[in-house]
Amino acid sequence: MNPRALALLALAQLAIGAAAIFARFALAGGGAIAASAFRLAIGALPIVLVALSRHAYTRHDARSERRLALAGVMLAAHFALWISSLRFASVAVSTLLVCSTPIWTELWDVVRLRRFRTDVALSLVLGLAGVAIVIGAPARGNHPLGIFLALGGAFAIAAYLILVRDADPRYGTLAIVGRTYPIAALVLVWAMLVTHDPIPAAGNLSAWGGIVAMALISQLFGHTALNAAVRRLSPTFVATVTLIEPVIAGILAALIFGERLTTATYAGSAAIFIAIGIALRAETRLTGSG
């Protein structure tokens, strides 16, 4: 196992898990697609400037260029679909369904490699059960469109992880995010203009503060570290570790907004940590045998 990749993944989850807190401020003054568009645009700008200065846009492989362009579209689709699902489904249901990402990455491996791993399946079941406990029992009355959109968001980020993982090894993390982030930003800006999604007022410092925090902490650092980790670890393992995000969001909400942590939160969190431990053991066996 690569200790540096594991450390990057752990730090990435802290940064990405905080996005839910930042989004609470951002969405108070504007629309979901607009917040996502500015998050990606602000996060992409320094990446593009650094990538240009370090000549990271050198083309090594035409197939990887197409793969990374599609990955950028998938990243935009993830944000647009998942956030849009909140209009038609409860936060609990939307969060639970978008956490199904490791199921899709593992299913891809089963189809591609014709390999079923019992320990991975156990970790996925236990992890998703833990997420369900943390966020609470799904409420009734969710519109089918909301369920479809949330599942689409999970599928999109799974596709993103797989596409990035399989890119030519000559493309480093900077070369990858230097392509995927601006593409995702352009797609979301286009969606914002087409849907006329409201933009926060210039004087709304709380909303813009949330957007900038999402861009610099959750996107620029969190997702970039996630991209670096997935180049060294399997997409399924990386996606399984992301199940901890609801736990991080819950703890931060308790510290910042005074929300109470329940017994169910502790029980669900324990299940998620056990699931990640099982997944880590499976990943160690996979890399050890490789």
C-alpha atoms as a PDB file:
ATOM      1  CA  MET A   1       0.000   0.000   0.000  1.00  0.00           C
ATOM      2  CA  ASN A   2       1.090   3.558  -0.689  1.00  0.00           C
ATOM      3  CA  PRO A   3       1.076   5.488   2.635  1.00  0.00           C
ATOM      4  CA  ARG A   4       1.207   8.830   0.812  1.00  0.00           C
ATOM      5  CA  ALA A   5      -1.871   7.952  -1.242  1.00  0.00           C
ATOM      6  CA  LEU A   6      -3.733   6.873   1.907  1.00  0.00           C
ATOM      7  CA  ALA A   7      -2.802  10.116   3.677  1.00  0.00           C
ATOM      8  CA  LEU A   8      -3.941  12.148   0.665  1.00  0.00           C
ATOM      9  CA  LEU A   9      -7.230  10.254   0.590  1.00  0.00           C
ATOM     10  CA  ALA A  10      -7.840  10.863   4.302  1.00  0.00           C
ATOM     11  CA  LEU A  11      -7.167  14.591   3.982  1.00  0.00           C
ATOM     12  CA  ALA A  12      -9.310  14.744   0.845  1.00  0.00           C
ATOM     13  CA  GLN A  13     -12.289  13.353   2.735  1.00  0.00           C
ATOM     14  CA  LEU A  14     -11.945  16.012   5.435  1.00  0.00           C
ATOM     15  CA  ALA A  15     -11.954  18.754   2.805  1.00  0.00           C
ATOM     16  CA  ILE A  16     -14.762  17.261   0.710  1.00  0.00           C
ATOM     17  CA  GLY A  17     -16.846  16.398   3.769  1.00  0.00           C
ATOM     18  CA  ALA A  18     -16.760  20.073   4.746  1.00  0.00           C
ATOM     19  CA  ALA A  19     -18.429  20.982   1.431  1.00  0.00           C
ATOM     20  CA  ALA A  20     -21.871  20.303   2.901  1.00  0.00           C
ATOM     21  CA  ILE A  21     -21.233  23.006   5.515  1.00  0.00           C
ATOM     22  CA  PHE A  22     -19.942  25.481   2.945  1.00  0.00           C
ATOM     23  CA  ALA A  23     -22.893  24.707   0.667  1.00  0.00           C
ATOM     24  CA  ARG A  24     -25.332  25.650   3.422  1.00  0.00           C
ATOM     25  CA  PHE A  25     -23.992  29.194   3.256  1.00  0.00           C
ATOM     26  CA  ALA A  26     -23.635  29.237  -0.551  1.00  0.00           C
ATOM     27  CA  LEU A  27     -27.178  28.065  -1.280  1.00  0.00           C
ATOM     28  CA  ALA A  28     -28.683  30.706   1.012  1.00  0.00           C
ATOM     29  CA  GLY A  29     -28.072  33.325  -1.648  1.00  0.00           C
ATOM     30  CA  GLY A  30     -28.272  31.556  -5.004  1.00  0.00           C
ATOM     31  CA  GLY A  31     -29.105  28.446  -7.000  1.00  0.00           C
ATOM     32  CA  ALA A  32     -27.455  25.037  -6.766  1.00  0.00           C
ATOM     33  CA  ILE A  33     -26.133  24.954 -10.340  1.00  0.00           C
ATOM     34  CA  ALA A  34     -24.766  28.510 -10.033  1.00  0.00           C
ATOM     35  CA  ALA A  35     -22.973  27.600  -6.792  1.00  0.00           C
ATOM     36  CA  SER A  36     -21.467  24.520  -8.460  1.00  0.00           C
ATOM     37  CA  ALA A  37     -20.451  26.496 -11.552  1.00  0.00           C
ATOM     38  CA  PHE A  38     -18.617  29.170  -9.560  1.00  0.00           C
ATOM     39  CA  ARG A  39     -17.101  26.505  -7.300  1.00  0.00           C
ATOM     40  CA  LEU A  40     -15.566  24.748 -10.310  1.00  0.00           C
ATOM     41  CA  ALA A  41     -14.615  27.975 -12.089  1.00  0.00           C
ATOM     42  CA  ILE A  42     -12.805  29.461  -9.081  1.00  0.00           C
ATOM     43  CA  GLY A  43     -11.167  26.119  -8.272  1.00  0.00           C
ATOM     44  CA  ALA A  44     -10.078  25.586 -11.879  1.00  0.00           C
ATOM     45  CA  LEU A  45      -8.414  28.996 -12.379  1.00  0.00           C
ATOM     46  CA  PRO A  46      -5.268  28.456 -10.253  1.00  0.00           C
ATOM     47  CA  ILE A  47      -4.994  24.867 -11.544  1.00  0.00           C
ATOM     48  CA  VAL A  48      -5.006  26.087 -15.164  1.00  0.00           C
ATOM     49  CA  LEU A  49      -2.402  28.792 -14.434  1.00  0.00           C
ATOM     50  CA  VAL A  50      -0.055  26.335 -12.716  1.00  0.00           C
ATOM     51  CA  ALA A  51      -0.624  23.720 -15.428  1.00  0.00           C
ATOM     52  CA  LEU A  52       0.304  26.268 -18.092  1.00  0.00           C
ATOM     53  CA  SER A  53       3.452  27.338 -16.246  1.00  0.00           C
ATOM     54  CA  ARG A  54       4.562  23.711 -15.873  1.00  0.00           C
ATOM     55  CA  HIS A  55       3.661  22.697 -19.437  1.00  0.00           C
ATOM     56  CA  ALA A  56       1.119  20.154 -18.182  1.00  0.00           C
ATOM     57  CA  TYR A  57      -0.976  20.437 -21.342  1.00  0.00           C
ATOM     58  CA  THR A  58       1.463  18.417 -23.422  1.00  0.00           C
ATOM     59  CA  ARG A  59      -0.492  15.752 -25.316  1.00  0.00           C
ATOM     60  CA  HIS A  60       0.815  12.235 -24.728  1.00  0.00           C
ATOM     61  CA  ASP A  61      -2.030  10.077 -25.913  1.00  0.00           C
ATOM     62  CA  ALA A  62      -5.115  10.955 -28.012  1.00  0.00           C
ATOM     63  CA  ARG A  63      -7.198   8.267 -26.318  1.00  0.00           C
ATOM     64  CA  SER A  64      -6.397   9.669 -22.865  1.00  0.00           C
ATOM     65  CA  GLU A  65      -7.239  13.191 -24.055  1.00  0.00           C
ATOM     66  CA  ARG A  66     -10.709  11.993 -25.065  1.00  0.00           C
ATOM     67  CA  ARG A  67     -11.010  10.034 -21.831  1.00  0.00           C
ATOM     68  CA  LEU A  68     -10.167  13.058 -19.686  1.00  0.00           C
ATOM     69  CA  ALA A  69     -12.504  15.325 -21.660  1.00  0.00           C
ATOM     70  CA  LEU A  70     -15.308  12.861 -20.946  1.00  0.00           C
ATOM     71  CA  ALA A  71     -14.215  12.737 -17.291  1.00  0.00           C
ATOM     72  CA  GLY A  72     -14.670  16.512 -17.099  1.00  0.00           C
ATOM     73  CA  VAL A  73     -18.210  16.175 -18.414  1.00  0.00           C
ATOM     74  CA  MET A  74     -18.883  13.413 -15.869  1.00  0.00           C
ATOM     75  CA  LEU A  75     -17.622  15.630 -13.039  1.00  0.00           C
ATOM     76  CA  ALA A  76     -19.996  18.401 -14.096  1.00  0.00           C
ATOM     77  CA  ALA A  77     -22.834  15.879 -14.401  1.00  0.00           C
ATOM     78  CA  HIS A  78     -22.154  14.632 -10.877  1.00  0.00           C
ATOM     79  CA  PHE A  79     -22.594  18.068  -9.327  1.00  0.00           C
ATOM     80  CA  ALA A  80     -25.560  19.047 -11.509  1.00  0.00           C
ATOM     81  CA  LEU A  81     -27.475  15.766 -11.033  1.00  0.00           C
ATOM     82  CA  TRP A  82     -26.866  15.344  -7.331  1.00  0.00           C
ATOM     83  CA  ILE A  83     -27.648  18.922  -6.328  1.00  0.00           C
ATOM     84  CA  SER A  84     -30.712  18.960  -8.601  1.00  0.00           C
ATOM     85  CA  SER A  85     -31.960  15.780  -6.920  1.00  0.00           C
ATOM     86  CA  LEU A  86     -32.401  17.732  -3.680  1.00  0.00           C
ATOM     87  CA  ARG A  87     -35.377  19.508  -5.250  1.00  0.00           C
ATOM     88  CA  PHE A  88     -37.266  16.217  -5.652  1.00  0.00           C
ATOM     89  CA  ALA A  89     -35.941  14.000  -2.857  1.00  0.00           C
ATOM     90  CA  SER A  90     -35.070  14.396   0.799  1.00  0.00           C
ATOM     91  CA  VAL A  91     -31.482  15.107   1.784  1.00  0.00           C
ATOM     92  CA  ALA A  92     -31.348  11.676   3.448  1.00  0.00           C
ATOM     93  CA  VAL A  93     -32.422   9.767   0.345  1.00  0.00           C
ATOM     94  CA  SER A  94     -30.253  11.854  -1.970  1.00  0.00           C
ATOM     95  CA  THR A  95     -27.173  11.401   0.232  1.00  0.00           C
ATOM     96  CA  LEU A  96     -27.732   7.664   0.585  1.00  0.00           C
ATOM     97  CA  LEU A  97     -28.143   7.140  -3.162  1.00  0.00           C
ATOM     98  CA  VAL A  98     -25.158   9.269  -4.167  1.00  0.00           C
ATOM     99  CA  CYS A  99     -23.092   7.195  -1.723  1.00  0.00           C
ATOM    100  CA  SER A 100     -23.769   4.163  -3.933  1.00  0.00           C
ATOM    101  CA  THR A 101     -20.722   5.186  -6.029  1.00  0.00           C
ATOM    102  CA  PRO A 102     -18.522   2.234  -4.914  1.00  0.00           C
ATOM    103  CA  ILE A 103     -21.213  -0.187  -6.088  1.00  0.00           C
ATOM    104  CA  TRP A 104     -20.861   1.104  -9.656  1.00  0.00           C
ATOM    105  CA  THR A 105     -17.049   1.077  -9.597  1.00  0.00           C
ATOM    106  CA  GLU A 106     -16.983  -2.473  -8.267  1.00  0.00           C
ATOM    107  CA  LEU A 107     -19.646  -3.582 -10.757  1.00  0.00           C
ATOM    108  CA  TRP A 108     -17.398  -2.233 -13.532  1.00  0.00           C
ATOM    109  CA  ASP A 109     -14.528  -4.367 -12.213  1.00  0.00           C
ATOM    110  CA  VAL A 110     -16.784  -7.422 -12.014  1.00  0.00           C
ATOM    111  CA  VAL A 111     -17.852  -6.977 -15.650  1.00  0.00           C
ATOM    112  CA  ARG A 112     -14.391  -6.039 -16.934  1.00  0.00           C
ATOM    113  CA  LEU A 113     -12.255  -8.472 -14.922  1.00  0.00           C
ATOM    114  CA  ARG A 114     -14.917 -11.113 -14.176  1.00  0.00           C
ATOM    115  CA  ARG A 115     -13.825 -11.055 -10.556  1.00  0.00           C
ATOM    116  CA  PHE A 116     -16.208 -10.966  -7.592  1.00  0.00           C
ATOM    117  CA  ARG A 117     -14.636 -10.049  -4.265  1.00  0.00           C
ATOM    118  CA  THR A 118     -16.666 -11.169  -1.250  1.00  0.00           C
ATOM    119  CA  ASP A 119     -14.794  -8.935   1.207  1.00  0.00           C
ATOM    120  CA  VAL A 120     -15.436  -5.860  -0.971  1.00  0.00           C
ATOM    121  CA  ALA A 121     -19.130  -6.748  -1.247  1.00  0.00           C
ATOM    122  CA  LEU A 122     -19.295  -7.072   2.557  1.00  0.00           C
ATOM    123  CA  SER A 123     -17.636  -3.683   3.048  1.00  0.00           C
ATOM    124  CA  LEU A 124     -20.075  -2.031   0.611  1.00  0.00           C
ATOM    125  CA  VAL A 125     -23.153  -3.482   2.326  1.00  0.00           C
ATOM    126  CA  LEU A 126     -21.871  -2.555   5.791  1.00  0.00           C
ATOM    127  CA  GLY A 127     -20.760   0.912   4.672  1.00  0.00           C
ATOM    128  CA  LEU A 128     -24.044   1.795   2.979  1.00  0.00           C
ATOM    129  CA  ALA A 129     -25.932   0.508   6.021  1.00  0.00           C
ATOM    130  CA  GLY A 130     -23.802   2.801   8.173  1.00  0.00           C
ATOM    131  CA  VAL A 131     -24.565   5.768   5.913  1.00  0.00           C
ATOM    132  CA  ALA A 132     -28.285   4.959   6.131  1.00  0.00           C
ATOM    133  CA  ILE A 133     -28.076   4.930   9.933  1.00  0.00           C
ATOM    134  CA  VAL A 134     -26.113   8.202  10.093  1.00  0.00           C
ATOM    135  CA  ILE A 135     -28.466  10.157   7.832  1.00  0.00           C
ATOM    136  CA  GLY A 136     -31.627   8.566   9.213  1.00  0.00           C
ATOM    137  CA  ALA A 137     -34.334   6.383   7.725  1.00  0.00           C
ATOM    138  CA  PRO A 138     -35.423   7.544   4.244  1.00  0.00           C
ATOM    139  CA  ALA A 139     -38.621   9.556   4.307  1.00  0.00           C
ATOM    140  CA  ARG A 140     -41.624   8.641   2.170  1.00  0.00           C
ATOM    141  CA  GLY A 141     -42.952  10.720  -0.664  1.00  0.00           C
ATOM    142  CA  ASN A 142     -39.737  11.100  -2.644  1.00  0.00           C
ATOM    143  CA  HIS A 143     -40.380  11.782  -6.309  1.00  0.00           C
ATOM    144  CA  PRO A 144     -38.954   9.111  -8.674  1.00  0.00           C
ATOM    145  CA  LEU A 145     -37.112  11.884 -10.544  1.00  0.00           C
ATOM    146  CA  GLY A 146     -35.179  12.760  -7.389  1.00  0.00           C
ATOM    147  CA  ILE A 147     -34.122   9.128  -6.951  1.00  0.00           C
ATOM    148  CA  PHE A 148     -33.088   8.932 -10.617  1.00  0.00           C
ATOM    149  CA  LEU A 149     -31.066  12.160 -10.404  1.00  0.00           C
ATOM    150  CA  ALA A 150     -29.229  11.089  -7.224  1.00  0.00           C
ATOM    151  CA  LEU A 151     -28.355   7.702  -8.732  1.00  0.00           C
ATOM    152  CA  GLY A 152     -27.201   9.521 -11.856  1.00  0.00           C
ATOM    153  CA  GLY A 153     -24.902  11.662  -9.715  1.00  0.00           C
ATOM    154  CA  ALA A 154     -23.403   8.536  -8.140  1.00  0.00           C
ATOM    155  CA  PHE A 155     -22.936   6.885 -11.522  1.00  0.00           C
ATOM    156  CA  ALA A 156     -21.299  10.042 -12.941  1.00  0.00           C
ATOM    157  CA  ILE A 157     -18.655  10.330 -10.217  1.00  0.00           C
ATOM    158  CA  ALA A 158     -17.996   6.591 -10.476  1.00  0.00           C
ATOM    159  CA  ALA A 159     -17.401   7.018 -14.205  1.00  0.00           C
ATOM    160  CA  TYR A 160     -15.111   9.962 -13.446  1.00  0.00           C
ATOM    161  CA  LEU A 161     -12.959   7.899 -11.064  1.00  0.00           C
ATOM    162  CA  ILE A 162     -12.700   5.034 -13.548  1.00  0.00           C
ATOM    163  CA  LEU A 163     -11.832   7.323 -16.461  1.00  0.00           C
ATOM    164  CA  VAL A 164      -9.135   9.124 -14.466  1.00  0.00           C
ATOM    165  CA  ARG A 165      -7.694   5.877 -13.105  1.00  0.00           C
ATOM    166  CA  ASP A 166      -7.299   4.390 -16.601  1.00  0.00           C
ATOM    167  CA  ALA A 167      -5.688   7.452 -18.218  1.00  0.00           C
ATOM    168  CA  ASP A 168      -2.161   7.140 -19.584  1.00  0.00           C
ATOM    169  CA  PRO A 169       0.337   7.022 -16.639  1.00  0.00           C
ATOM    170  CA  ARG A 170       2.309   9.871 -18.238  1.00  0.00           C
ATOM    171  CA  TYR A 171      -0.534  12.210 -17.246  1.00  0.00           C
ATOM    172  CA  GLY A 172       0.156  13.379 -13.714  1.00  0.00           C
ATOM    173  CA  THR A 173      -2.434  14.742 -11.297  1.00  0.00           C
ATOM    174  CA  LEU A 174      -1.862  18.333 -12.463  1.00  0.00           C
ATOM    175  CA  ALA A 175      -2.301  17.340 -16.106  1.00  0.00           C
ATOM    176  CA  ILE A 176      -5.528  15.518 -15.263  1.00  0.00           C
ATOM    177  CA  VAL A 177      -7.259  18.153 -13.133  1.00  0.00           C
ATOM    178  CA  GLY A 178      -5.914  20.850 -15.473  1.00  0.00           C
ATOM    179  CA  ARG A 179      -8.171  19.276 -18.087  1.00  0.00           C
ATOM    180  CA  THR A 180     -11.160  17.964 -16.138  1.00  0.00           C
ATOM    181  CA  TYR A 181     -11.788  20.990 -13.872  1.00  0.00           C
ATOM    182  CA  PRO A 182     -12.077  23.666 -16.599  1.00  0.00           C
ATOM    183  CA  ILE A 183     -14.190  21.362 -18.774  1.00  0.00           C
ATOM    184  CA  ALA A 184     -16.543  20.718 -15.841  1.00  0.00           C
ATOM    185  CA  ALA A 185     -16.655  24.458 -15.083  1.00  0.00           C
ATOM    186  CA  LEU A 186     -17.570  25.332 -18.680  1.00  0.00           C
ATOM    187  CA  VAL A 187     -20.342  22.711 -18.740  1.00  0.00           C
ATOM    188  CA  LEU A 188     -21.802  24.013 -15.462  1.00  0.00           C
ATOM    189  CA  VAL A 189     -21.579  27.670 -16.533  1.00  0.00           C
ATOM    190  CA  TRP A 190     -23.456  26.723 -19.705  1.00  0.00           C
ATOM    191  CA  ALA A 191     -26.090  24.892 -17.622  1.00  0.00           C
ATOM    192  CA  MET A 192     -26.401  27.929 -15.316  1.00  0.00           C
ATOM    193  CA  LEU A 193     -27.021  30.255 -18.253  1.00  0.00           C
ATOM    194  CA  VAL A 194     -29.496  27.907 -19.945  1.00  0.00           C
ATOM    195  CA  THR A 195     -31.531  27.319 -16.769  1.00  0.00           C
ATOM    196  CA  HIS A 196     -31.218  30.954 -15.568  1.00  0.00           C
ATOM    197  CA  ASP A 197     -30.135  29.676 -12.180  1.00  0.00           C
ATOM    198  CA  PRO A 198     -29.934  32.626  -9.745  1.00  0.00           C
ATOM    199  CA  ILE A 199     -26.486  33.990  -8.872  1.00  0.00           C
ATOM    200  CA  PRO A 200     -25.854  35.297  -5.326  1.00  0.00           C
ATOM    201  CA  ALA A 201     -25.898  39.075  -4.990  1.00  0.00           C
ATOM    202  CA  ALA A 202     -22.456  40.702  -5.069  1.00  0.00           C
ATOM    203  CA  GLY A 203     -22.910  41.955  -1.518  1.00  0.00           C
ATOM    204  CA  ASN A 204     -23.915  38.567  -0.086  1.00  0.00           C
ATOM    205  CA  LEU A 205     -20.606  37.833   1.646  1.00  0.00           C
ATOM    206  CA  SER A 206     -21.973  34.727   3.372  1.00  0.00           C
ATOM    207  CA  ALA A 207     -22.999  33.046   0.104  1.00  0.00           C
ATOM    208  CA  TRP A 208     -19.807  33.990  -1.732  1.00  0.00           C
ATOM    209  CA  GLY A 209     -17.750  32.940   1.269  1.00  0.00           C
ATOM    210  CA  GLY A 210     -19.364  29.497   1.083  1.00  0.00           C
ATOM    211  CA  ILE A 211     -18.678  29.272  -2.655  1.00  0.00           C
ATOM    212  CA  VAL A 212     -15.032  30.346  -2.298  1.00  0.00           C
ATOM    213  CA  ALA A 213     -14.533  27.894   0.572  1.00  0.00           C
ATOM    214  CA  MET A 214     -15.973  25.072  -1.548  1.00  0.00           C
ATOM    215  CA  ALA A 215     -13.699  26.093  -4.414  1.00  0.00           C
ATOM    216  CA  LEU A 216     -10.443  26.428  -2.491  1.00  0.00           C
ATOM    217  CA  ILE A 217     -10.852  23.781   0.215  1.00  0.00           C
ATOM    218  CA  SER A 218     -13.260  21.148  -1.101  1.00  0.00           C
ATOM    219  CA  GLN A 219     -12.461  21.423  -4.822  1.00  0.00           C
ATOM    220  CA  LEU A 220      -8.918  22.754  -5.217  1.00  0.00           C
ATOM    221  CA  PHE A 221      -7.490  20.701  -2.361  1.00  0.00           C
ATOM    222  CA  GLY A 222     -10.041  17.941  -1.648  1.00  0.00           C
ATOM    223  CA  HIS A 223     -10.896  16.759  -5.150  1.00  0.00           C
ATOM    224  CA  THR A 224      -7.333  17.274  -6.384  1.00  0.00           C
ATOM    225  CA  ALA A 225      -6.042  15.036  -3.578  1.00  0.00           C
ATOM    226  CA  LEU A 226      -8.765  12.537  -4.497  1.00  0.00           C
ATOM    227  CA  ASN A 227      -7.499  12.540  -8.091  1.00  0.00           C
ATOM    228  CA  ALA A 228      -3.956  11.902  -6.880  1.00  0.00           C
ATOM    229  CA  ALA A 229      -5.114   9.026  -4.666  1.00  0.00           C
ATOM    230  CA  VAL A 230      -7.152   7.281  -7.351  1.00  0.00           C
ATOM    231  CA  ARG A 231      -4.037   7.070  -9.542  1.00  0.00           C
ATOM    232  CA  ARG A 232      -2.488   4.782  -6.914  1.00  0.00           C
ATOM    233  CA  LEU A 233      -5.524   3.093  -5.363  1.00  0.00           C
ATOM    234  CA  SER A 234      -8.513   1.333  -6.907  1.00  0.00           C
ATOM    235  CA  PRO A 235     -11.623   3.418  -7.731  1.00  0.00           C
ATOM    236  CA  THR A 236     -13.758   1.125  -5.547  1.00  0.00           C
ATOM    237  CA  PHE A 237     -11.560   1.643  -2.490  1.00  0.00           C
ATOM    238  CA  VAL A 238     -11.448   5.407  -3.023  1.00  0.00           C
ATOM    239  CA  ALA A 239     -15.230   5.503  -3.465  1.00  0.00           C
ATOM    240  CA  THR A 240     -15.725   3.355  -0.343  1.00  0.00           C
ATOM    241  CA  VAL A 241     -13.695   5.791   1.769  1.00  0.00           C
ATOM    242  CA  THR A 242     -15.970   8.602   0.571  1.00  0.00           C
ATOM    243  CA  LEU A 243     -18.737   6.988   2.643  1.00  0.00           C
ATOM    244  CA  ILE A 244     -17.180   8.784   5.601  1.00  0.00           C
ATOM    245  CA  GLU A 245     -18.254  12.161   4.202  1.00  0.00           C
ATOM    246  CA  PRO A 246     -21.697  12.173   5.932  1.00  0.00           C
ATOM    247  CA  VAL A 247     -19.904  11.481   9.230  1.00  0.00           C
ATOM    248  CA  ILE A 248     -17.494  14.394   8.704  1.00  0.00           C
ATOM    249  CA  ALA A 249     -20.368  16.672   7.707  1.00  0.00           C
ATOM    250  CA  GLY A 250     -22.297  15.644  10.825  1.00  0.00           C
ATOM    251  CA  ILE A 251     -19.377  16.324  13.159  1.00  0.00           C
ATOM    252  CA  LEU A 252     -18.680  19.712  11.572  1.00  0.00           C
ATOM    253  CA  ALA A 253     -22.377  20.625  11.767  1.00  0.00           C
ATOM    254  CA  ALA A 254     -22.330  19.777  15.469  1.00  0.00           C
ATOM    255  CA  LEU A 255     -19.259  21.941  16.059  1.00  0.00           C
ATOM    256  CA  ILE A 256     -20.347  24.900  13.897  1.00  0.00           C
ATOM    257  CA  PHE A 257     -24.143  24.896  14.068  1.00  0.00           C
ATOM    258  CA  GLY A 258     -24.613  23.135  17.411  1.00  0.00           C
ATOM    259  CA  GLU A 259     -26.471  20.182  15.868  1.00  0.00           C
ATOM    260  CA  ARG A 260     -26.677  17.253  18.270  1.00  0.00           C
ATOM    261  CA  LEU A 261     -24.949  13.970  17.489  1.00  0.00           C
ATOM    262  CA  THR A 262     -27.300  11.062  18.197  1.00  0.00           C
ATOM    263  CA  THR A 263     -26.653   7.468  19.182  1.00  0.00           C
ATOM    264  CA  ALA A 264     -27.509   6.485  15.620  1.00  0.00           C
ATOM    265  CA  THR A 265     -24.727   8.767  14.376  1.00  0.00           C
ATOM    266  CA  TYR A 266     -22.170   6.987  16.522  1.00  0.00           C
ATOM    267  CA  ALA A 267     -23.480   3.519  15.555  1.00  0.00           C
ATOM    268  CA  GLY A 268     -23.546   4.333  11.850  1.00  0.00           C
ATOM    269  CA  SER A 269     -20.094   5.885  12.023  1.00  0.00           C
ATOM    270  CA  ALA A 270     -18.720   2.732  13.649  1.00  0.00           C
ATOM    271  CA  ALA A 271     -20.213   0.622  10.840  1.00  0.00           C
ATOM    272  CA  ILE A 272     -18.624   2.895   8.216  1.00  0.00           C
ATOM    273  CA  PHE A 273     -15.192   2.721   9.845  1.00  0.00           C
ATOM    274  CA  ILE A 274     -15.409  -1.081  10.034  1.00  0.00           C
ATOM    275  CA  ALA A 275     -16.432  -1.148   6.364  1.00  0.00           C
ATOM    276  CA  ILE A 276     -13.442   1.026   5.419  1.00  0.00           C
ATOM    277  CA  GLY A 277     -11.183  -1.299   7.425  1.00  0.00           C
ATOM    278  CA  ILE A 278     -12.470  -4.300   5.469  1.00  0.00           C
ATOM    279  CA  ALA A 279     -12.033  -2.402   2.206  1.00  0.00           C
ATOM    280  CA  LEU A 280      -8.467  -1.433   3.216  1.00  0.00           C
ATOM    281  CA  ARG A 281      -7.630  -5.081   3.870  1.00  0.00           C
ATOM    282  CA  ALA A 282      -9.085  -6.044   0.486  1.00  0.00           C
ATOM    283  CA  GLU A 283      -7.087  -3.263  -1.202  1.00  0.00           C
ATOM    284  CA  THR A 284      -3.898  -4.470   0.505  1.00  0.00           C
ATOM    285  CA  ARG A 285      -4.480  -7.973  -0.808  1.00  0.00           C
ATOM    286  CA  LEU A 286      -5.182  -6.615  -4.304  1.00  0.00           C
ATOM    287  CA  THR A 287      -2.029  -4.475  -4.472  1.00  0.00           C
ATOM    288  CA  GLY A 288       0.000  -7.204  -2.827  1.00  0.00           C
ATOM    289  CA  SER A 289      -1.087  -9.749  -5.428  1.00  0.00           C
ATOM    290  CA  GLY A 290      -0.539  -7.226  -8.249  1.00  0.00           C
END
